[in-house]
Protein backbone atom coordinates (compact mmCIF):
# COMPACT_ATOMS: atom_id res chain seq x y z
CA MET A 1 34.89 -22.41 128.02
CA THR A 2 37.00 -25.44 128.11
CA ALA A 3 39.42 -26.89 125.20
CA ASP A 4 36.89 -29.90 124.94
CA PHE A 5 34.78 -27.38 122.67
CA ALA A 6 37.86 -26.36 120.41
CA GLU A 7 38.82 -30.22 119.91
CA SER A 8 34.97 -31.17 119.25
CA ALA A 9 34.77 -28.24 116.63
CA ARG A 10 38.09 -29.55 114.85
CA ARG A 11 36.76 -32.84 114.65
CA ALA A 12 33.40 -31.36 112.99
CA THR A 13 35.66 -29.64 110.82
CA ASP A 14 37.90 -32.62 109.57
CA ALA A 15 34.23 -34.59 109.38
CA MET A 16 32.98 -31.96 106.80
CA ARG A 17 35.71 -32.56 104.35
CA ALA A 18 33.76 -35.77 103.28
CA LEU A 19 31.15 -33.47 102.32
CA PHE A 20 32.79 -30.24 100.98
CA PRO A 21 36.17 -28.68 100.94
CA GLU A 22 36.93 -25.68 102.87
CA THR A 23 35.44 -22.41 101.96
CA PRO A 24 38.23 -20.00 100.56
CA LEU A 25 39.68 -17.13 102.75
CA GLN A 26 40.59 -14.40 100.32
CA ARG A 27 42.14 -10.87 100.79
CA ASN A 28 40.21 -8.31 99.38
CA ALA A 29 42.39 -5.55 97.89
CA TYR A 30 39.61 -3.07 97.28
CA LEU A 31 38.27 -2.94 100.79
CA SER A 32 41.93 -3.25 102.32
CA ASP A 33 42.82 -0.11 100.58
CA ARG A 34 39.74 1.59 101.39
CA TYR A 35 40.04 1.04 105.27
CA GLY A 36 43.88 0.95 105.31
CA ALA A 37 43.90 -2.55 106.66
CA ASP A 38 44.64 -6.17 105.70
CA ILE A 39 40.81 -7.53 105.13
CA TRP A 40 40.01 -10.76 104.21
CA LEU A 41 36.75 -12.54 103.20
CA LYS A 42 35.55 -15.89 104.38
CA ARG A 43 33.52 -16.93 101.59
CA GLU A 44 30.76 -19.03 103.09
CA ASP A 45 28.86 -17.74 99.88
CA LEU A 46 31.02 -20.42 98.22
CA SER A 47 29.80 -23.64 99.85
CA PRO A 48 27.81 -26.18 98.19
CA VAL A 49 24.76 -24.60 99.15
CA ARG A 50 25.99 -20.93 98.98
CA SER A 51 25.91 -20.73 102.90
CA TYR A 52 27.39 -21.62 106.31
CA LYS A 53 24.19 -23.50 107.10
CA ILE A 54 25.33 -26.74 105.70
CA ARG A 55 27.93 -26.66 108.64
CA GLY A 56 25.47 -27.07 111.38
CA ALA A 57 23.15 -29.33 109.48
CA PHE A 58 25.91 -31.71 108.56
CA ASN A 59 27.12 -31.73 112.51
CA ALA A 60 23.67 -32.05 113.99
CA ILE A 61 22.82 -34.67 111.90
CA THR A 62 25.89 -37.01 111.93
CA LYS A 63 26.10 -36.48 115.90
CA HIS A 64 22.54 -37.44 116.55
CA LEU A 65 23.02 -40.80 114.04
CA ALA A 66 25.85 -41.56 116.12
CA LEU A 67 23.61 -42.22 119.06
CA HIS A 68 20.66 -43.11 117.23
CA PRO A 69 21.87 -45.14 114.26
CA ASP A 70 18.32 -46.23 113.26
CA GLN A 71 16.84 -42.50 112.60
CA GLY A 72 15.45 -42.35 109.60
CA GLN A 73 13.98 -39.30 109.24
CA PHE A 74 14.70 -35.62 109.83
CA VAL A 75 12.63 -32.51 109.84
CA CYS A 76 13.30 -28.66 109.38
CA ALA A 77 11.32 -25.71 109.01
CA SER A 78 12.70 -23.23 106.69
CA ALA A 79 12.10 -21.12 103.58
CA GLY A 80 15.80 -20.37 103.02
CA ASN A 81 19.39 -21.54 103.58
CA HIS A 82 18.74 -23.81 106.50
CA ALA A 83 16.36 -25.87 104.39
CA GLN A 84 18.90 -26.25 101.51
CA GLY A 85 21.72 -27.18 104.00
CA VAL A 86 19.55 -29.87 105.37
CA ALA A 87 18.56 -31.18 101.98
CA PHE A 88 21.94 -31.35 100.89
CA VAL A 89 23.32 -33.54 103.81
CA CYS A 90 20.16 -35.81 103.70
CA ARG A 91 21.06 -36.67 100.19
CA HIS A 92 24.84 -37.12 100.98
CA LEU A 93 23.90 -39.43 103.87
CA GLY A 94 21.05 -41.22 102.21
CA LYS A 95 18.72 -40.07 105.07
CA HIS A 96 15.06 -38.96 104.31
CA GLY A 97 14.26 -35.28 105.11
CA THR A 98 10.93 -33.41 105.26
CA ILE A 99 11.38 -29.68 104.61
CA PHE A 100 8.32 -27.51 106.03
CA MET A 101 8.28 -24.33 103.88
CA PRO A 102 5.70 -21.53 104.30
CA VAL A 103 3.10 -21.30 101.17
CA THR A 104 4.42 -17.91 100.36
CA THR A 105 8.03 -19.10 99.74
CA PRO A 106 9.23 -17.98 96.28
CA LYS A 107 9.30 -20.92 93.75
CA GLN A 108 13.11 -20.29 93.00
CA LYS A 109 13.94 -21.23 96.51
CA ILE A 110 11.51 -24.21 96.61
CA ALA A 111 13.12 -25.37 93.32
CA LYS A 112 16.85 -24.92 94.86
CA THR A 113 16.03 -26.93 97.84
CA GLN A 114 14.48 -29.80 95.75
CA ALA A 115 17.46 -29.66 93.54
CA PHE A 116 20.01 -30.06 96.53
CA GLY A 117 17.86 -32.81 98.29
CA GLY A 118 16.45 -34.76 95.23
CA ASP A 119 14.58 -37.64 96.05
CA ALA A 120 16.05 -37.80 99.44
CA ILE A 121 13.66 -35.05 100.64
CA GLU A 122 9.81 -34.05 100.50
CA ILE A 123 8.85 -30.36 100.65
CA LYS A 124 5.54 -29.56 102.41
CA LEU A 125 4.27 -25.99 101.96
CA VAL A 126 2.13 -25.04 105.29
CA GLY A 127 1.15 -21.77 106.43
CA ASP A 128 1.20 -18.20 105.08
CA TYR A 129 3.75 -17.37 108.14
CA PHE A 130 6.82 -18.80 109.41
CA ASP A 131 5.43 -19.62 112.90
CA ASP A 132 2.57 -21.68 111.31
CA THR A 133 5.10 -23.64 109.30
CA LEU A 134 7.46 -24.13 112.47
CA THR A 135 4.30 -25.42 114.44
CA ALA A 136 3.47 -27.62 111.52
CA ALA A 137 6.98 -29.26 111.50
CA GLN A 138 7.19 -29.83 115.12
CA ASN A 139 3.58 -31.47 115.20
CA PHE A 140 4.76 -33.68 112.43
CA CYS A 141 7.61 -34.59 114.25
CA ALA A 142 5.56 -35.57 117.66
CA ALA A 143 3.21 -37.84 115.43
CA SER A 144 6.01 -39.36 113.15
CA GLY A 145 8.94 -39.92 115.46
CA ALA A 146 11.42 -37.75 113.14
CA HIS A 147 14.06 -35.54 114.43
CA PHE A 148 13.71 -32.05 114.53
CA LEU A 149 16.79 -29.93 113.05
CA SER A 150 16.67 -26.34 114.74
CA PRO A 151 18.43 -23.65 112.50
CA PHE A 152 20.40 -22.12 115.08
CA ASP A 153 18.94 -23.09 118.66
CA ASP A 154 21.19 -26.34 119.14
CA LEU A 155 24.30 -27.01 120.78
CA ASP A 156 25.52 -29.38 118.09
CA VAL A 157 24.44 -26.73 115.22
CA MET A 158 26.57 -24.21 116.96
CA GLU A 159 29.31 -26.63 117.02
CA GLY A 160 29.22 -27.07 113.42
CA GLN A 161 29.14 -23.30 112.82
CA ALA A 162 32.35 -23.00 114.84
CA SER A 163 33.75 -24.84 111.99
CA VAL A 164 34.08 -21.40 110.09
CA ALA A 165 36.53 -20.18 112.93
CA VAL A 166 38.53 -23.32 112.84
CA GLU A 167 39.23 -23.00 109.16
CA LEU A 168 39.90 -19.22 108.74
CA ILE A 169 42.26 -19.43 111.56
CA GLU A 170 44.38 -22.13 110.13
CA GLN A 171 44.17 -20.55 106.76
CA LEU A 172 45.48 -17.17 107.99
CA GLY A 173 47.88 -18.79 109.98
CA ALA A 174 46.91 -16.96 113.23
CA ALA A 175 43.80 -15.38 114.77
CA PRO A 176 43.10 -12.01 113.23
CA ASP A 177 43.05 -9.06 115.10
CA ARG A 178 39.16 -8.38 114.32
CA LEU A 179 36.54 -10.68 113.26
CA VAL A 180 33.31 -9.61 111.81
CA LEU A 181 30.21 -11.77 111.25
CA PRO A 182 26.77 -11.50 111.18
CA VAL A 183 23.94 -12.48 113.89
CA GLY A 184 20.80 -13.79 113.17
CA GLY A 185 19.39 -16.91 115.54
CA GLY A 186 23.00 -16.74 117.07
CA GLY A 187 24.19 -20.01 116.13
CA LEU A 188 27.04 -18.85 114.05
CA SER A 189 28.08 -16.28 116.28
CA ALA A 190 27.81 -18.35 119.46
CA GLY A 191 29.95 -20.90 117.82
CA VAL A 192 32.56 -18.87 117.00
CA THR A 193 32.45 -17.08 120.30
CA ASN A 194 32.96 -20.31 122.12
CA TYR A 195 35.71 -21.41 119.82
CA LEU A 196 37.64 -18.26 120.27
CA ALA A 197 37.32 -18.32 124.00
CA ALA A 198 38.13 -21.99 123.75
CA THR A 199 41.59 -21.44 122.09
CA GLY A 200 42.45 -18.26 123.67
CA ALA A 201 42.47 -16.18 120.72
CA HIS A 202 42.88 -12.37 121.20
CA THR A 203 40.65 -11.34 118.50
CA ARG A 204 38.03 -8.59 118.78
CA LEU A 205 34.85 -9.92 117.81
CA LYS A 206 32.41 -7.67 116.20
CA LEU A 207 28.83 -8.86 115.43
CA VAL A 208 26.17 -7.43 113.09
CA GLU A 209 22.36 -7.70 112.84
CA PRO A 210 19.88 -5.84 110.74
CA ALA A 211 18.08 -2.65 112.14
CA GLY A 212 14.78 -4.45 111.34
CA GLY A 213 15.55 -7.55 113.23
CA ALA A 214 18.06 -6.77 116.18
CA SER A 215 16.90 -9.40 118.33
CA LEU A 216 20.50 -9.77 119.98
CA THR A 217 20.65 -5.97 121.08
CA ALA A 218 17.05 -6.38 122.65
CA ALA A 219 18.11 -9.53 124.46
CA LEU A 220 21.22 -8.02 125.93
CA LYS A 221 19.21 -4.85 126.79
CA ALA A 222 16.80 -7.34 128.57
CA GLY A 223 19.20 -9.70 130.07
CA ALA A 224 17.16 -12.80 128.21
CA PRO A 225 15.69 -13.41 124.82
CA VAL A 226 12.87 -11.32 124.04
CA THR A 227 10.41 -11.55 120.97
CA LEU A 228 10.58 -8.47 118.84
CA PRO A 229 7.10 -6.94 118.20
CA GLN A 230 7.81 -6.50 114.43
CA VAL A 231 10.65 -7.56 111.97
CA ASP A 232 11.56 -6.22 108.58
CA ASN A 233 12.40 -9.08 106.77
CA PHE A 234 14.30 -7.58 103.96
CA VAL A 235 17.53 -9.43 105.55
CA ASP A 236 15.84 -12.68 105.36
CA GLY A 237 18.73 -14.78 106.45
CA ALA A 238 19.32 -12.63 109.75
CA ALA A 239 16.11 -10.86 110.52
CA VAL A 240 15.09 -13.36 113.52
CA ALA A 241 12.22 -12.05 115.87
CA ARG A 242 13.87 -14.08 118.82
CA ILE A 243 17.40 -15.04 119.28
CA GLY A 244 18.18 -18.77 120.37
CA GLY A 245 18.11 -19.56 123.98
CA HIS A 246 21.17 -21.73 123.68
CA PRO A 247 23.22 -19.14 121.76
CA PHE A 248 22.35 -16.28 124.03
CA GLU A 249 23.71 -18.20 126.87
CA VAL A 250 26.76 -17.87 125.01
CA LEU A 251 26.52 -14.42 124.03
CA ARG A 252 24.88 -12.75 126.85
CA GLN A 253 28.38 -11.67 128.14
CA THR A 254 28.91 -9.75 124.78
CA ASP A 255 29.66 -5.87 125.36
CA PRO A 256 26.62 -4.16 123.68
CA GLY A 257 29.25 -2.06 122.13
CA ASP A 258 30.53 -4.97 119.88
CA VAL A 259 27.16 -5.34 118.59
CA LEU A 260 26.47 -3.19 115.52
CA VAL A 261 23.32 -2.39 113.94
CA ALA A 262 23.23 -2.16 110.00
CA PRO A 263 20.53 -0.24 108.29
CA GLU A 264 18.66 -2.21 105.38
CA ASN A 265 19.04 0.42 102.91
CA ARG A 266 22.85 0.81 103.52
CA ILE A 267 23.21 -3.05 103.16
CA CYS A 268 21.90 -2.27 99.80
CA VAL A 269 24.69 -0.02 98.90
CA THR A 270 27.13 -2.91 99.98
CA ILE A 271 25.50 -5.47 97.95
CA SER A 272 25.53 -3.12 94.94
CA GLU A 273 29.22 -2.28 95.75
CA MET A 274 30.42 -5.85 95.86
CA LEU A 275 28.47 -7.24 92.80
CA ASN A 276 29.63 -3.98 90.50
CA ILE A 277 33.33 -3.50 91.88
CA GLU A 278 34.03 -6.99 92.79
CA GLY A 279 31.90 -9.40 91.25
CA ILE A 280 30.79 -10.98 94.40
CA VAL A 281 27.13 -11.99 94.69
CA LEU A 282 25.76 -11.75 98.27
CA GLU A 283 22.43 -11.98 99.91
CA PRO A 284 21.37 -9.25 102.19
CA ALA A 285 22.45 -11.22 105.39
CA GLY A 286 25.86 -12.29 103.52
CA ALA A 287 26.64 -8.31 103.23
CA LEU A 288 26.17 -7.57 106.96
CA ALA A 289 29.83 -8.14 107.81
CA VAL A 290 31.47 -6.22 105.05
CA ASP A 291 28.59 -3.39 105.39
CA ALA A 292 29.71 -3.12 109.31
CA LEU A 293 33.17 -2.24 108.01
CA ALA A 294 31.66 1.58 107.25
CA ASP A 295 31.07 1.88 111.01
CA LEU A 296 34.28 0.69 112.26
CA GLY A 297 36.08 2.89 109.91
CA ALA A 298 39.54 4.16 111.21
CA ALA A 299 39.44 1.68 113.97
CA LEU A 300 40.38 -0.80 111.52
CA ARG A 301 43.75 0.93 110.21
CA GLY A 302 46.78 -1.39 110.48
CA GLN A 303 44.80 -4.31 111.52
CA SER A 304 44.13 -7.83 110.14
CA VAL A 305 40.46 -8.30 109.82
CA VAL A 306 38.18 -11.10 108.71
CA CYS A 307 34.56 -10.55 107.25
CA VAL A 308 32.39 -13.82 107.12
CA THR A 309 30.38 -13.39 103.99
CA SER A 310 27.64 -15.85 105.21
CA GLY A 311 25.70 -16.30 102.08
CA GLY A 312 24.98 -15.80 98.47
CA ASN A 313 21.66 -16.80 97.71
CA PHE A 314 20.46 -13.77 96.05
CA ASP A 315 17.60 -13.78 93.81
CA PHE A 316 18.35 -11.48 90.85
CA GLU A 317 14.58 -10.32 90.93
CA ARG A 318 15.09 -8.34 93.85
CA LEU A 319 18.01 -6.49 92.10
CA PRO A 320 15.55 -3.73 91.15
CA GLU A 321 14.45 -3.09 95.03
CA VAL A 322 18.31 -3.35 96.06
CA LYS A 323 19.11 -0.66 93.52
CA GLU A 324 16.05 1.67 94.79
CA ARG A 325 16.96 1.22 98.41
CA ALA A 326 20.52 2.03 97.75
CA MET A 327 20.14 5.04 95.99
CA HIS A 328 17.54 6.20 98.61
CA PHE A 329 20.05 5.60 101.12
CA GLN A 330 22.71 7.81 99.28
CA GLY A 331 20.18 10.33 98.64
CA LEU A 332 20.39 10.08 94.76
CA LYS A 333 16.96 9.36 94.19
CA LYS A 334 13.82 10.95 95.42
CA TYR A 335 9.84 10.97 94.93
CA PHE A 336 7.52 13.79 95.18
CA ILE A 337 4.05 14.90 94.19
CA LEU A 338 3.77 17.93 91.86
CA ARG A 339 0.98 20.02 91.40
CA LEU A 340 1.39 21.17 87.98
CA PRO A 341 -0.71 23.94 86.38
CA GLN A 342 -2.82 22.52 83.65
CA ARG A 343 -1.88 25.32 81.01
CA PRO A 344 0.40 24.98 77.92
CA GLY A 345 4.10 25.16 78.43
CA ALA A 346 3.63 24.04 82.06
CA LEU A 347 5.42 20.58 81.79
CA LYS A 348 8.26 22.35 79.75
CA ASP A 349 8.85 24.98 82.31
CA PHE A 350 9.06 22.34 84.74
CA LEU A 351 11.38 20.41 82.82
CA ALA A 352 13.79 23.36 82.03
CA LEU A 353 14.42 23.35 85.94
CA LEU A 354 16.17 19.72 85.57
CA GLY A 355 20.02 19.90 85.67
CA PRO A 356 22.20 17.74 83.18
CA ASP A 357 22.92 15.01 86.04
CA GLN A 358 19.04 14.73 86.97
CA ASP A 359 16.97 12.30 85.23
CA ILE A 360 13.26 11.54 85.30
CA ALA A 361 12.89 7.76 86.52
CA ARG A 362 9.07 8.13 86.88
CA PHE A 363 6.18 10.51 85.46
CA GLU A 364 2.69 9.75 86.37
CA TYR A 365 -0.43 11.80 86.35
CA LEU A 366 -2.64 10.68 89.62
CA LYS A 367 -5.71 12.66 89.32
CA LYS A 368 -7.08 16.21 88.77
CA SER A 369 -6.96 17.74 92.38
CA ALA A 370 -8.82 20.95 90.97
CA ARG A 371 -9.90 22.24 87.42
CA ASN A 372 -6.74 24.26 86.91
CA PHE A 373 -4.08 21.77 88.38
CA GLY A 374 -3.04 18.06 87.92
CA SER A 375 -1.21 15.89 90.68
CA VAL A 376 1.89 14.22 89.23
CA LEU A 377 4.03 11.51 90.88
CA ILE A 378 7.60 12.19 90.10
CA GLY A 379 10.69 10.23 90.77
CA ILE A 380 14.02 11.69 89.90
CA GLU A 381 17.77 10.04 90.00
CA THR A 382 20.72 12.53 90.37
CA GLY A 383 24.23 12.13 90.29
CA ALA A 384 24.82 14.23 93.55
CA PRO A 385 22.64 14.44 96.45
CA GLU A 386 22.99 18.22 97.11
CA SER A 387 21.67 18.77 93.65
CA PHE A 388 18.09 18.30 94.98
CA ASP A 389 18.30 21.24 97.23
CA ARG A 390 19.11 23.49 94.10
CA LEU A 391 16.12 21.98 92.37
CA PHE A 392 13.53 22.45 95.01
CA ASP A 393 14.80 26.12 95.50
CA GLN A 394 14.14 26.63 91.56
CA MET A 395 10.60 24.74 92.11
CA ALA A 396 9.82 27.10 94.80
CA GLU A 397 10.91 30.38 92.78
CA GLY A 398 8.83 28.82 89.93
CA GLY A 399 5.79 28.57 91.80
CA PHE A 400 5.68 24.67 91.75
CA ALA A 401 4.09 23.41 94.76
CA TYR A 402 5.38 19.95 95.69
CA ARG A 403 5.50 17.55 98.51
CA ASP A 404 8.51 15.31 99.05
CA ILE A 405 7.20 11.92 99.95
CA THR A 406 10.66 9.89 99.57
CA GLU A 407 10.43 9.30 103.68
CA ASP A 408 6.92 8.62 103.72
CA GLU A 409 6.58 4.88 104.25
CA VAL A 410 2.66 4.52 104.06
CA LEU A 411 2.76 6.55 100.62
CA ALA A 412 5.62 5.11 99.30
CA GLU A 413 4.15 1.55 99.77
CA PHE A 414 1.28 2.33 97.85
CA MET A 415 2.46 4.69 95.44
CA ILE A 416 6.22 3.60 94.67
């Protein structure tokens, strides 16, 4: 990668100052002490739209306008951060934007996008699934002459996202020993990779993707972008079925050992910790880089490390789900079906087995499976995961038949 890319990324960064100030680079004492390293957070969750997506959108739109000053309309398909970034930039530049979103998009996200764009944008709700929305947006562009803005598979978007690296190196005063950032479609990771290569920075880059959307891992294995047969959309800001073609041309030389895969339930633990301990609100994709520190562990000791917290657009209606999944990962909550004898005192006998750190979070009779027994769905929370072994041993000794359904995804989906 030539120095031309580095210079272009710096110019893009300078141009962004007309739109928003640089996002903070903050040393995090909690994480630094935990890992014995000098850990910094590049707070993209504190941008005007609470994600880094505003960078690529701004650079792509302004560069297109430089070549086509009469372009009056821009289009994107997105249900999240890209839509908000495009909306914000269109309003700032006085250009019209048409935002295509799935019909199933939560009203909160629609409202935020409209608030950022105001009268400069129009939102069209099309399709139950994103593929339908994307097709509608591209058909609209073909018919109207509007310019389509890809969320990641675009060279100008990649250049704009590289401004994250421009800023953090200037703020730190030097390139860090390690840089950890999330990867979804690849725009951010490819842009930053290009910039580090162009400047000759001796930084070890670690990329993190969600286990349910590991499109880069699959592409590196296949030697080309592939479409994942199934995607877990919990980490909605990074769960991409197919990494972008342009980003992959940059990332194809990545050592597979430098790509980490984060389990969704562990990400929930990280979200909860950052909220409860540090007061930092991160969406699932925004927590990926911090979550990956657990995999790096002792390798971080004594090093300067920057984690890019890529977004903070977290819907607090999801908080109960995050707590549930976090406790599941930590082994602090289990669900089981108890076959309870239908006799006086049976429930009291069962309750007597519970220890002082065990609480019943759910108790629901399902049906009579036999005349003398009833099936009960029970959820129990505990302060220590090993206490469940003791409880289950006591239940067996007491003659209580049960089935642990905590890991049964099919039953959990219908019953929990």
